[in-house]
C-alpha cells in the first residue's frame, strides 16, 4: 500500500504537502518498503470523479451499503456483507 499513496483533496495543493507526507511515511516504515506518494493534476475533484466512475460500474451494489439497508439492518449488515 505504501507504494501507491494518492493524495486527494485541497490539502494536496499545499506547497510541499506531498513531500511532507512522504517523509512522515518513510520515517514510520522499514527501509525495505517502497514508499511512493503522488497527487493527480486536480486533487480537489479527483475523489469525486472516482466516485462517479465507481457508481457507473454495474457491480457497485457488491461494494456499498445503502442508507435504507443500514437503517433496516444496522451495523450487523455491514459486518455480514464485508467481513469475508
PDB file of N, CA and C in Angstrom:
ATOM      1  N   UNK A   1       0.804  -1.192   0.000  1.00  0.00           N
ATOM      2  CA  UNK A   1       0.000   0.000   0.000  1.00  0.00           C
ATOM      3  C   UNK A   1       0.850   1.261   0.000  1.00  0.00           C
ATOM      4  N   UNK A   2       1.980   1.228   0.627  1.00  0.00           N
ATOM      5  CA  UNK A   2       2.804   2.433   0.720  1.00  0.00           C
ATOM      6  C   UNK A   2       3.370   2.872  -0.616  1.00  0.00           C
ATOM      7  N   UNK A   3       3.426   1.974  -1.578  1.00  0.00           N
ATOM      8  CA  UNK A   3       3.973   2.393  -2.868  1.00  0.00           C
ATOM      9  C   UNK A   3       2.901   2.968  -3.781  1.00  0.00           C
ATOM     10  N   UNK A   4       1.672   3.085  -3.275  1.00  0.00           N
ATOM     11  CA  UNK A   4       0.573   3.641  -4.064  1.00  0.00           C
ATOM     12  C   UNK A   4      -0.244   4.645  -3.259  1.00  0.00           C
ATOM     13  N   UNK A   5       0.398   5.582  -2.602  1.00  0.00           N
ATOM     14  CA  UNK A   5      -0.306   6.601  -1.826  1.00  0.00           C
ATOM     15  C   UNK A   5      -0.712   7.721  -2.778  1.00  0.00           C
ATOM     16  N   UNK A   6      -2.003   7.978  -2.864  1.00  0.00           N
ATOM     17  CA  UNK A   6      -2.535   9.000  -3.759  1.00  0.00           C
ATOM     18  C   UNK A   6      -3.172  10.097  -2.919  1.00  0.00           C
ATOM     19  N   UNK A   7      -2.657  11.297  -3.037  1.00  0.00           N
ATOM     20  CA  UNK A   7      -3.177  12.429  -2.276  1.00  0.00           C
ATOM     21  C   UNK A   7      -4.347  13.054  -3.020  1.00  0.00           C
ATOM     22  N   UNK A   8      -5.450  13.276  -2.314  1.00  0.00           N
ATOM     23  CA  UNK A   8      -6.609  13.937  -2.913  1.00  0.00           C
ATOM     24  C   UNK A   8      -7.115  15.009  -1.955  1.00  0.00           C
ATOM     25  N   UNK A   9      -7.933  15.893  -2.480  1.00  0.00           N
ATOM     26  CA  UNK A   9      -8.492  16.955  -1.660  1.00  0.00           C
ATOM     27  C   UNK A   9      -7.638  18.212  -1.682  1.00  0.00           C
ATOM     28  N   UNK A  10      -8.156  19.249  -1.075  1.00  0.00           N
ATOM     29  CA  UNK A  10      -7.490  20.543  -1.080  1.00  0.00           C
ATOM     30  C   UNK A  10      -6.120  20.551  -0.436  1.00  0.00           C
ATOM     31  N   UNK A  11      -5.919  19.736   0.600  1.00  0.00           N
ATOM     32  CA  UNK A  11      -4.610  19.703   1.264  1.00  0.00           C
ATOM     33  C   UNK A  11      -3.497  19.302   0.311  1.00  0.00           C
ATOM     34  N   UNK A  12      -3.817  18.501  -0.684  1.00  0.00           N
ATOM     35  CA  UNK A  12      -2.803  18.053  -1.642  1.00  0.00           C
ATOM     36  C   UNK A  12      -2.253  19.215  -2.461  1.00  0.00           C
ATOM     37  N   UNK A  13      -2.933  20.351  -2.432  1.00  0.00           N
ATOM     38  CA  UNK A  13      -2.476  21.538  -3.172  1.00  0.00           C
ATOM     39  C   UNK A  13      -1.500  22.388  -2.368  1.00  0.00           C
ATOM     40  N   UNK A  14      -1.368  22.126  -1.074  1.00  0.00           N
ATOM     41  CA  UNK A  14      -0.438  22.910  -0.263  1.00  0.00           C
ATOM     42  C   UNK A  14       0.987  22.678  -0.747  1.00  0.00           C
ATOM     43  N   UNK A  15       1.800  23.730  -0.782  1.00  0.00           N
ATOM     44  CA  UNK A  15       3.199  23.558  -1.201  1.00  0.00           C
ATOM     45  C   UNK A  15       3.910  22.526  -0.318  1.00  0.00           C
ATOM     46  N   UNK A  16       4.609  21.628  -0.934  1.00  0.00           N
ATOM     47  CA  UNK A  16       5.430  20.599  -0.260  1.00  0.00           C
ATOM     48  C   UNK A  16       4.620  19.597   0.563  1.00  0.00           C
ATOM     49  N   UNK A  17       3.307  19.564   0.395  1.00  0.00           N
ATOM     50  CA  UNK A  17       2.495  18.626   1.172  1.00  0.00           C
ATOM     51  C   UNK A  17       2.855  17.183   0.844  1.00  0.00           C
ATOM     52  N   UNK A  18       2.992  16.870  -0.438  1.00  0.00           N
ATOM     53  CA  UNK A  18       3.358  15.513  -0.837  1.00  0.00           C
ATOM     54  C   UNK A  18       4.700  15.088  -0.276  1.00  0.00           C
ATOM     55  N   UNK A  19       5.644  16.006  -0.284  1.00  0.00           N
ATOM     56  CA  UNK A  19       6.971  15.716   0.275  1.00  0.00           C
ATOM     57  C   UNK A  19       6.874  15.454   1.776  1.00  0.00           C
ATOM     58  N   UNK A  20       6.047  16.234   2.463  1.00  0.00           N
ATOM     59  CA  UNK A  20       5.885  16.042   3.903  1.00  0.00           C
ATOM     60  C   UNK A  20       5.264  14.681   4.203  1.00  0.00           C
ATOM     61  N   UNK A  21       4.226  14.318   3.460  1.00  0.00           N
ATOM     62  CA  UNK A  21       3.585  13.014   3.660  1.00  0.00           C
ATOM     63  C   UNK A  21       4.590  11.900   3.401  1.00  0.00           C
ATOM     64  N   UNK A  22       5.345  12.031   2.319  1.00  0.00           N
ATOM     65  CA  UNK A  22       6.364  11.028   2.005  1.00  0.00           C
ATOM     66  C   UNK A  22       7.350  10.887   3.165  1.00  0.00           C
ATOM     67  N   UNK A  23       7.882  11.999   3.647  1.00  0.00           N
ATOM     68  CA  UNK A  23       8.877  11.959   4.726  1.00  0.00           C
ATOM     69  C   UNK A  23       8.311  11.351   6.001  1.00  0.00           C
ATOM     70  N   UNK A  24       7.069  11.677   6.320  1.00  0.00           N
ATOM     71  CA  UNK A  24       6.465  11.115   7.529  1.00  0.00           C
ATOM     72  C   UNK A  24       6.231   9.614   7.390  1.00  0.00           C
ATOM     73  N   UNK A  25       5.782   9.180   6.216  1.00  0.00           N
ATOM     74  CA  UNK A  25       5.601   7.740   5.994  1.00  0.00           C
ATOM     75  C   UNK A  25       6.940   7.012   6.000  1.00  0.00           C
ATOM     76  N   UNK A  26       7.912   7.602   5.371  1.00  0.00           N
ATOM     77  CA  UNK A  26       9.239   6.995   5.288  1.00  0.00           C
ATOM     78  C   UNK A  26       9.802   6.750   6.681  1.00  0.00           C
ATOM     79  N   UNK A  27       9.568   7.665   7.608  1.00  0.00           N
ATOM     80  CA  UNK A  27      10.062   7.516   8.984  1.00  0.00           C
ATOM     81  C   UNK A  27       9.332   6.416   9.751  1.00  0.00           C
ATOM     82  N   UNK A  28       8.127   6.101   9.334  1.00  0.00           N
ATOM     83  CA  UNK A  28       7.307   5.142  10.072  1.00  0.00           C
ATOM     84  C   UNK A  28       7.461   3.695   9.623  1.00  0.00           C
ATOM     85  N   UNK A  29       8.117   3.468   8.496  1.00  0.00           N
ATOM     86  CA  UNK A  29       8.188   2.095   7.993  1.00  0.00           C
ATOM     87  C   UNK A  29       9.633   1.693   7.689  1.00  0.00           C
ATOM     88  N   UNK A  30       9.895   0.399   7.719  1.00  0.00           N
ATOM     89  CA  UNK A  30      11.245  -0.080   7.428  1.00  0.00           C
ATOM     90  C   UNK A  30      11.682   0.279   6.006  1.00  0.00           C
ATOM     91  N   UNK A  31      12.970   0.391   5.812  1.00  0.00           N
ATOM     92  CA  UNK A  31      13.547   0.760   4.514  1.00  0.00           C
ATOM     93  C   UNK A  31      13.208  -0.230   3.401  1.00  0.00           C
ATOM     94  N   UNK A  32      12.889  -1.469   3.763  1.00  0.00           N
ATOM     95  CA  UNK A  32      12.597  -2.463   2.723  1.00  0.00           C
ATOM     96  C   UNK A  32      11.290  -2.166   1.990  1.00  0.00           C
ATOM     97  N   UNK A  33      10.436  -1.319   2.589  1.00  0.00           N
ATOM     98  CA  UNK A  33       9.174  -0.955   1.949  1.00  0.00           C
ATOM     99  C   UNK A  33       9.377   0.230   1.024  1.00  0.00           C
ATOM    100  N   UNK A  34       8.850   0.102  -0.182  1.00  0.00           N
ATOM    101  CA  UNK A  34       8.890   1.206  -1.134  1.00  0.00           C
ATOM    102  C   UNK A  34       7.765   2.182  -0.795  1.00  0.00           C
ATOM    103  N   UNK A  35       8.088   3.464  -0.749  1.00  0.00           N
ATOM    104  CA  UNK A  35       7.091   4.497  -0.483  1.00  0.00           C
ATOM    105  C   UNK A  35       7.012   5.402  -1.698  1.00  0.00           C
ATOM    106  N   UNK A  36       5.809   5.588  -2.218  1.00  0.00           N
ATOM    107  CA  UNK A  36       5.593   6.457  -3.368  1.00  0.00           C
ATOM    108  C   UNK A  36       4.332   7.274  -3.107  1.00  0.00           C
ATOM    109  N   UNK A  37       4.479   8.587  -3.097  1.00  0.00           N
ATOM    110  CA  UNK A  37       3.362   9.493  -2.853  1.00  0.00           C
ATOM    111  C   UNK A  37       3.164  10.340  -4.098  1.00  0.00           C
ATOM    112  N   UNK A  38       1.950  10.333  -4.649  1.00  0.00           N
ATOM    113  CA  UNK A  38       1.657  11.126  -5.841  1.00  0.00           C
ATOM    114  C   UNK A  38       0.353  11.888  -5.644  1.00  0.00           C
ATOM    115  N   UNK A  39       0.166  12.891  -6.484  1.00  0.00           N
ATOM    116  CA  UNK A  39      -1.082  13.655  -6.489  1.00  0.00           C
ATOM    117  C   UNK A  39      -1.506  13.843  -7.940  1.00  0.00           C
ATOM    118  N   UNK A  40      -2.794  13.751  -8.225  1.00  0.00           N
ATOM    119  CA  UNK A  40      -3.274  13.970  -9.592  1.00  0.00           C
ATOM    120  C   UNK A  40      -3.193  15.453  -9.956  1.00  0.00           C
ATOM    121  N   UNK A  41      -3.419  15.754 -11.216  1.00  0.00           N
ATOM    122  CA  UNK A  41      -3.380  17.145 -11.668  1.00  0.00           C
ATOM    123  C   UNK A  41      -4.384  18.020 -10.923  1.00  0.00           C
ATOM    124  N   UNK A  42      -5.568  17.493 -10.655  1.00  0.00           N
ATOM    125  CA  UNK A  42      -6.578  18.250  -9.921  1.00  0.00           C
ATOM    126  C   UNK A  42      -7.037  17.436  -8.712  1.00  0.00           C
ATOM    127  N   UNK A  43      -6.296  17.487  -7.613  1.00  0.00           N
ATOM    128  CA  UNK A  43      -6.628  16.650  -6.464  1.00  0.00           C
ATOM    129  C   UNK A  43      -7.933  17.033  -5.775  1.00  0.00           C
ATOM    130  N   UNK A  44      -8.407  18.248  -6.002  1.00  0.00           N
ATOM    131  CA  UNK A  44      -9.620  18.697  -5.320  1.00  0.00           C
ATOM    132  C   UNK A  44     -10.841  17.904  -5.778  1.00  0.00           C
ATOM    133  N   UNK A  45     -10.946  17.606  -7.056  1.00  0.00           N
ATOM    134  CA  UNK A  45     -12.124  16.892  -7.564  1.00  0.00           C
ATOM    135  C   UNK A  45     -11.845  15.425  -7.890  1.00  0.00           C
ATOM    136  N   UNK A  46     -10.629  14.978  -7.668  1.00  0.00           N
ATOM    137  CA  UNK A  46     -10.244  13.625  -8.070  1.00  0.00           C
ATOM    138  C   UNK A  46     -11.086  12.548  -7.382  1.00  0.00           C
ATOM    139  N   UNK A  47     -11.311  12.684  -6.082  1.00  0.00           N
ATOM    140  CA  UNK A  47     -12.097  11.677  -5.359  1.00  0.00           C
ATOM    141  C   UNK A  47     -13.535  11.651  -5.871  1.00  0.00           C
ATOM    142  N   UNK A  48     -14.094  12.813  -6.176  1.00  0.00           N
ATOM    143  CA  UNK A  48     -15.457  12.883  -6.702  1.00  0.00           C
ATOM    144  C   UNK A  48     -15.546  12.152  -8.042  1.00  0.00           C
ATOM    145  N   UNK A  49     -14.583  12.388  -8.917  1.00  0.00           N
ATOM    146  CA  UNK A  49     -14.582  11.707 -10.219  1.00  0.00           C
ATOM    147  C   UNK A  49     -14.451  10.192 -10.045  1.00  0.00           C
ATOM    148  N   UNK A  50     -13.653   9.771  -9.072  1.00  0.00           N
ATOM    149  CA  UNK A  50     -13.532   8.342  -8.785  1.00  0.00           C
ATOM    150  C   UNK A  50     -14.854   7.752  -8.322  1.00  0.00           C
ATOM    151  N   UNK A  51     -15.591   8.501  -7.502  1.00  0.00           N
ATOM    152  CA  UNK A  51     -16.906   8.052  -7.060  1.00  0.00           C
ATOM    153  C   UNK A  51     -17.883   7.925  -8.214  1.00  0.00           C
ATOM    154  N   UNK A  52     -17.838   8.882  -9.124  1.00  0.00           N
ATOM    155  CA  UNK A  52     -18.700   8.824 -10.310  1.00  0.00           C
ATOM    156  C   UNK A  52     -18.401   7.561 -11.106  1.00  0.00           C
ATOM    157  N   UNK A  53     -17.125   7.279 -11.308  1.00  0.00           N
ATOM    158  CA  UNK A  53     -16.739   6.079 -12.065  1.00  0.00           C
ATOM    159  C   UNK A  53     -17.188   4.810 -11.345  1.00  0.00           C
ATOM    160  N   UNK A  54     -17.033   4.782 -10.019  1.00  0.00           N
ATOM    161  CA  UNK A  54     -17.418   3.597  -9.252  1.00  0.00           C
ATOM    162  C   UNK A  54     -18.911   3.322  -9.380  1.00  0.00           C
ATOM    163  N   UNK A  55     -19.713   4.362  -9.319  1.00  0.00           N
ATOM    164  CA  UNK A  55     -21.161   4.163  -9.372  1.00  0.00           C
ATOM    165  C   UNK A  55     -21.682   3.890 -10.770  1.00  0.00           C
ATOM    166  N   UNK A  56     -20.847   4.018 -11.766  1.00  0.00           N
ATOM    167  CA  UNK A  56     -21.225   3.623 -13.118  1.00  0.00           C
ATOM    168  C   UNK A  56     -20.990   2.131 -13.348  1.00  0.00           C
ATOM    169  N   UNK A  57     -20.276   1.497 -12.439  1.00  0.00           N
ATOM    170  CA  UNK A  57     -19.995   0.065 -12.538  1.00  0.00           C
ATOM    171  C   UNK A  57     -21.266  -0.719 -12.207  1.00  0.00           C
ATOM    172  N   UNK A  58     -21.662  -1.660 -13.057  1.00  0.00           N
ATOM    173  CA  UNK A  58     -22.886  -2.428 -12.783  1.00  0.00           C
ATOM    174  C   UNK A  58     -22.797  -3.281 -11.514  1.00  0.00           C
ATOM    175  N   UNK A  59     -21.605  -3.551 -11.032  1.00  0.00           N
ATOM    176  CA  UNK A  59     -21.437  -4.357  -9.822  1.00  0.00           C
ATOM    177  C   UNK A  59     -21.295  -3.510  -8.558  1.00  0.00           C
ATOM    178  N   UNK A  60     -21.634  -2.238  -8.623  1.00  0.00           N
ATOM    179  CA  UNK A  60     -21.435  -1.346  -7.481  1.00  0.00           C
ATOM    180  C   UNK A  60     -22.178  -1.823  -6.236  1.00  0.00           C
ATOM    181  N   UNK A  61     -23.309  -2.476  -6.398  1.00  0.00           N
ATOM    182  CA  UNK A  61     -24.069  -2.935  -5.233  1.00  0.00           C
ATOM    183  C   UNK A  61     -23.327  -3.977  -4.406  1.00  0.00           C
ATOM    184  N   UNK A  62     -22.294  -4.565  -4.986  1.00  0.00           N
ATOM    185  CA  UNK A  62     -21.488  -5.534  -4.236  1.00  0.00           C
ATOM    186  C   UNK A  62     -20.559  -4.844  -3.244  1.00  0.00           C
ATOM    187  N   UNK A  63     -20.302  -3.549  -3.438  1.00  0.00           N
ATOM    188  CA  UNK A  63     -19.320  -2.861  -2.595  1.00  0.00           C
ATOM    189  C   UNK A  63     -19.908  -1.721  -1.767  1.00  0.00           C
ATOM    190  N   UNK A  64     -21.229  -1.570  -1.763  1.00  0.00           N
ATOM    191  CA  UNK A  64     -21.842  -0.498  -0.982  1.00  0.00           C
ATOM    192  C   UNK A  64     -22.961  -1.033  -0.102  1.00  0.00           C
ATOM    193  N   UNK A  65     -23.302  -0.244   0.902  1.00  0.00           N
ATOM    194  CA  UNK A  65     -24.482  -0.464   1.725  1.00  0.00           C
ATOM    195  C   UNK A  65     -25.289   0.822   1.623  1.00  0.00           C
ATOM    196  N   UNK A  66     -26.533   0.714   1.227  1.00  0.00           N
ATOM    197  CA  UNK A  66     -27.365   1.904   1.106  1.00  0.00           C
ATOM    198  C   UNK A  66     -27.833   2.363   2.486  1.00  0.00           C
ATOM    199  N   UNK A  67     -28.262   3.604   2.555  1.00  0.00           N
ATOM    200  CA  UNK A  67     -28.798   4.136   3.804  1.00  0.00           C
ATOM    201  C   UNK A  67     -29.990   3.298   4.264  1.00  0.00           C
ATOM    202  N   UNK A  68     -30.850   2.938   3.326  1.00  0.00           N
ATOM    203  CA  UNK A  68     -32.030   2.131   3.655  1.00  0.00           C
ATOM    204  C   UNK A  68     -31.622   0.776   4.234  1.00  0.00           C
ATOM    205  N   UNK A  69     -30.644   0.125   3.600  1.00  0.00           N
ATOM    206  CA  UNK A  69     -30.175  -1.172   4.105  1.00  0.00           C
ATOM    207  C   UNK A  69     -29.619  -1.031   5.519  1.00  0.00           C
ATOM    208  N   UNK A  70     -28.861   0.030   5.748  1.00  0.00           N
ATOM    209  CA  UNK A  70     -28.269   0.235   7.072  1.00  0.00           C
ATOM    210  C   UNK A  70     -29.355   0.523   8.107  1.00  0.00           C
ATOM    211  N   UNK A  71     -30.298   1.382   7.754  1.00  0.00           N
ATOM    212  CA  UNK A  71     -31.368   1.713   8.699  1.00  0.00           C
ATOM    213  C   UNK A  71     -32.225   0.499   9.030  1.00  0.00           C
ATOM    214  N   UNK A  72     -32.444  -0.373   8.066  1.00  0.00           N
ATOM    215  CA  UNK A  72     -33.271  -1.555   8.299  1.00  0.00           C
ATOM    216  C   UNK A  72     -32.522  -2.667   9.021  1.00  0.00           C
ATOM    217  N   UNK A  73     -31.199  -2.775   8.803  1.00  0.00           N
ATOM    218  CA  UNK A  73     -30.446  -3.924   9.314  1.00  0.00           C
ATOM    219  C   UNK A  73     -29.335  -3.574  10.289  1.00  0.00           C
ATOM    220  N   UNK A  74     -28.923  -2.328  10.351  1.00  0.00           N
ATOM    221  CA  UNK A  74     -27.891  -1.897  11.281  1.00  0.00           C
ATOM    222  C   UNK A  74     -26.485  -2.305  10.865  1.00  0.00           C
ATOM    223  N   UNK A  75     -25.568  -2.092  11.802  1.00  0.00           N
ATOM    224  CA  UNK A  75     -24.155  -2.355  11.547  1.00  0.00           C
ATOM    225  C   UNK A  75     -23.877  -3.827  11.264  1.00  0.00           C
ATOM    226  N   UNK A  76     -24.700  -4.701  11.807  1.00  0.00           N
ATOM    227  CA  UNK A  76     -24.504  -6.136  11.578  1.00  0.00           C
ATOM    228  C   UNK A  76     -24.569  -6.469  10.092  1.00  0.00           C
ATOM    229  N   UNK A  77     -25.385  -5.726   9.355  1.00  0.00           N
ATOM    230  CA  UNK A  77     -25.486  -5.945   7.914  1.00  0.00           C
ATOM    231  C   UNK A  77     -24.148  -5.660   7.237  1.00  0.00           C
ATOM    232  N   UNK A  78     -23.485  -4.596   7.664  1.00  0.00           N
ATOM    233  CA  UNK A  78     -22.168  -4.255   7.103  1.00  0.00           C
ATOM    234  C   UNK A  78     -21.159  -5.350   7.407  1.00  0.00           C
ATOM    235  N   UNK A  79     -21.150  -5.808   8.638  1.00  0.00           N
ATOM    236  CA  UNK A  79     -20.214  -6.870   9.009  1.00  0.00           C
ATOM    237  C   UNK A  79     -20.474  -8.131   8.202  1.00  0.00           C
ATOM    238  N   UNK A  80     -21.731  -8.465   8.042  1.00  0.00           N
ATOM    239  CA  UNK A  80     -22.090  -9.663   7.280  1.00  0.00           C
ATOM    240  C   UNK A  80     -21.676  -9.527   5.813  1.00  0.00           C
ATOM    241  N   UNK A  81     -21.858  -8.348   5.253  1.00  0.00           N
ATOM    242  CA  UNK A  81     -21.580  -8.142   3.836  1.00  0.00           C
ATOM    243  C   UNK A  81     -20.086  -8.063   3.538  1.00  0.00           C
ATOM    244  N   UNK A  82     -19.324  -7.420   4.422  1.00  0.00           N
ATOM    245  CA  UNK A  82     -17.923  -7.138   4.104  1.00  0.00           C
ATOM    246  C   UNK A  82     -16.906  -7.958   4.884  1.00  0.00           C
ATOM    247  N   UNK A  83     -17.306  -8.663   5.900  1.00  0.00           N
ATOM    248  CA  UNK A  83     -16.355  -9.429   6.712  1.00  0.00           C
ATOM    249  C   UNK A  83     -16.185 -10.823   6.140  1.00  0.00           C
ATOM    250  N   UNK A  84     -15.433 -10.883   5.040  1.00  0.00           N
ATOM    251  CA  UNK A  84     -15.197 -12.195   4.430  1.00  0.00           C
ATOM    252  C   UNK A  84     -13.779 -12.312   3.953  1.00  0.00           C
TER     253      UNK A  84
END
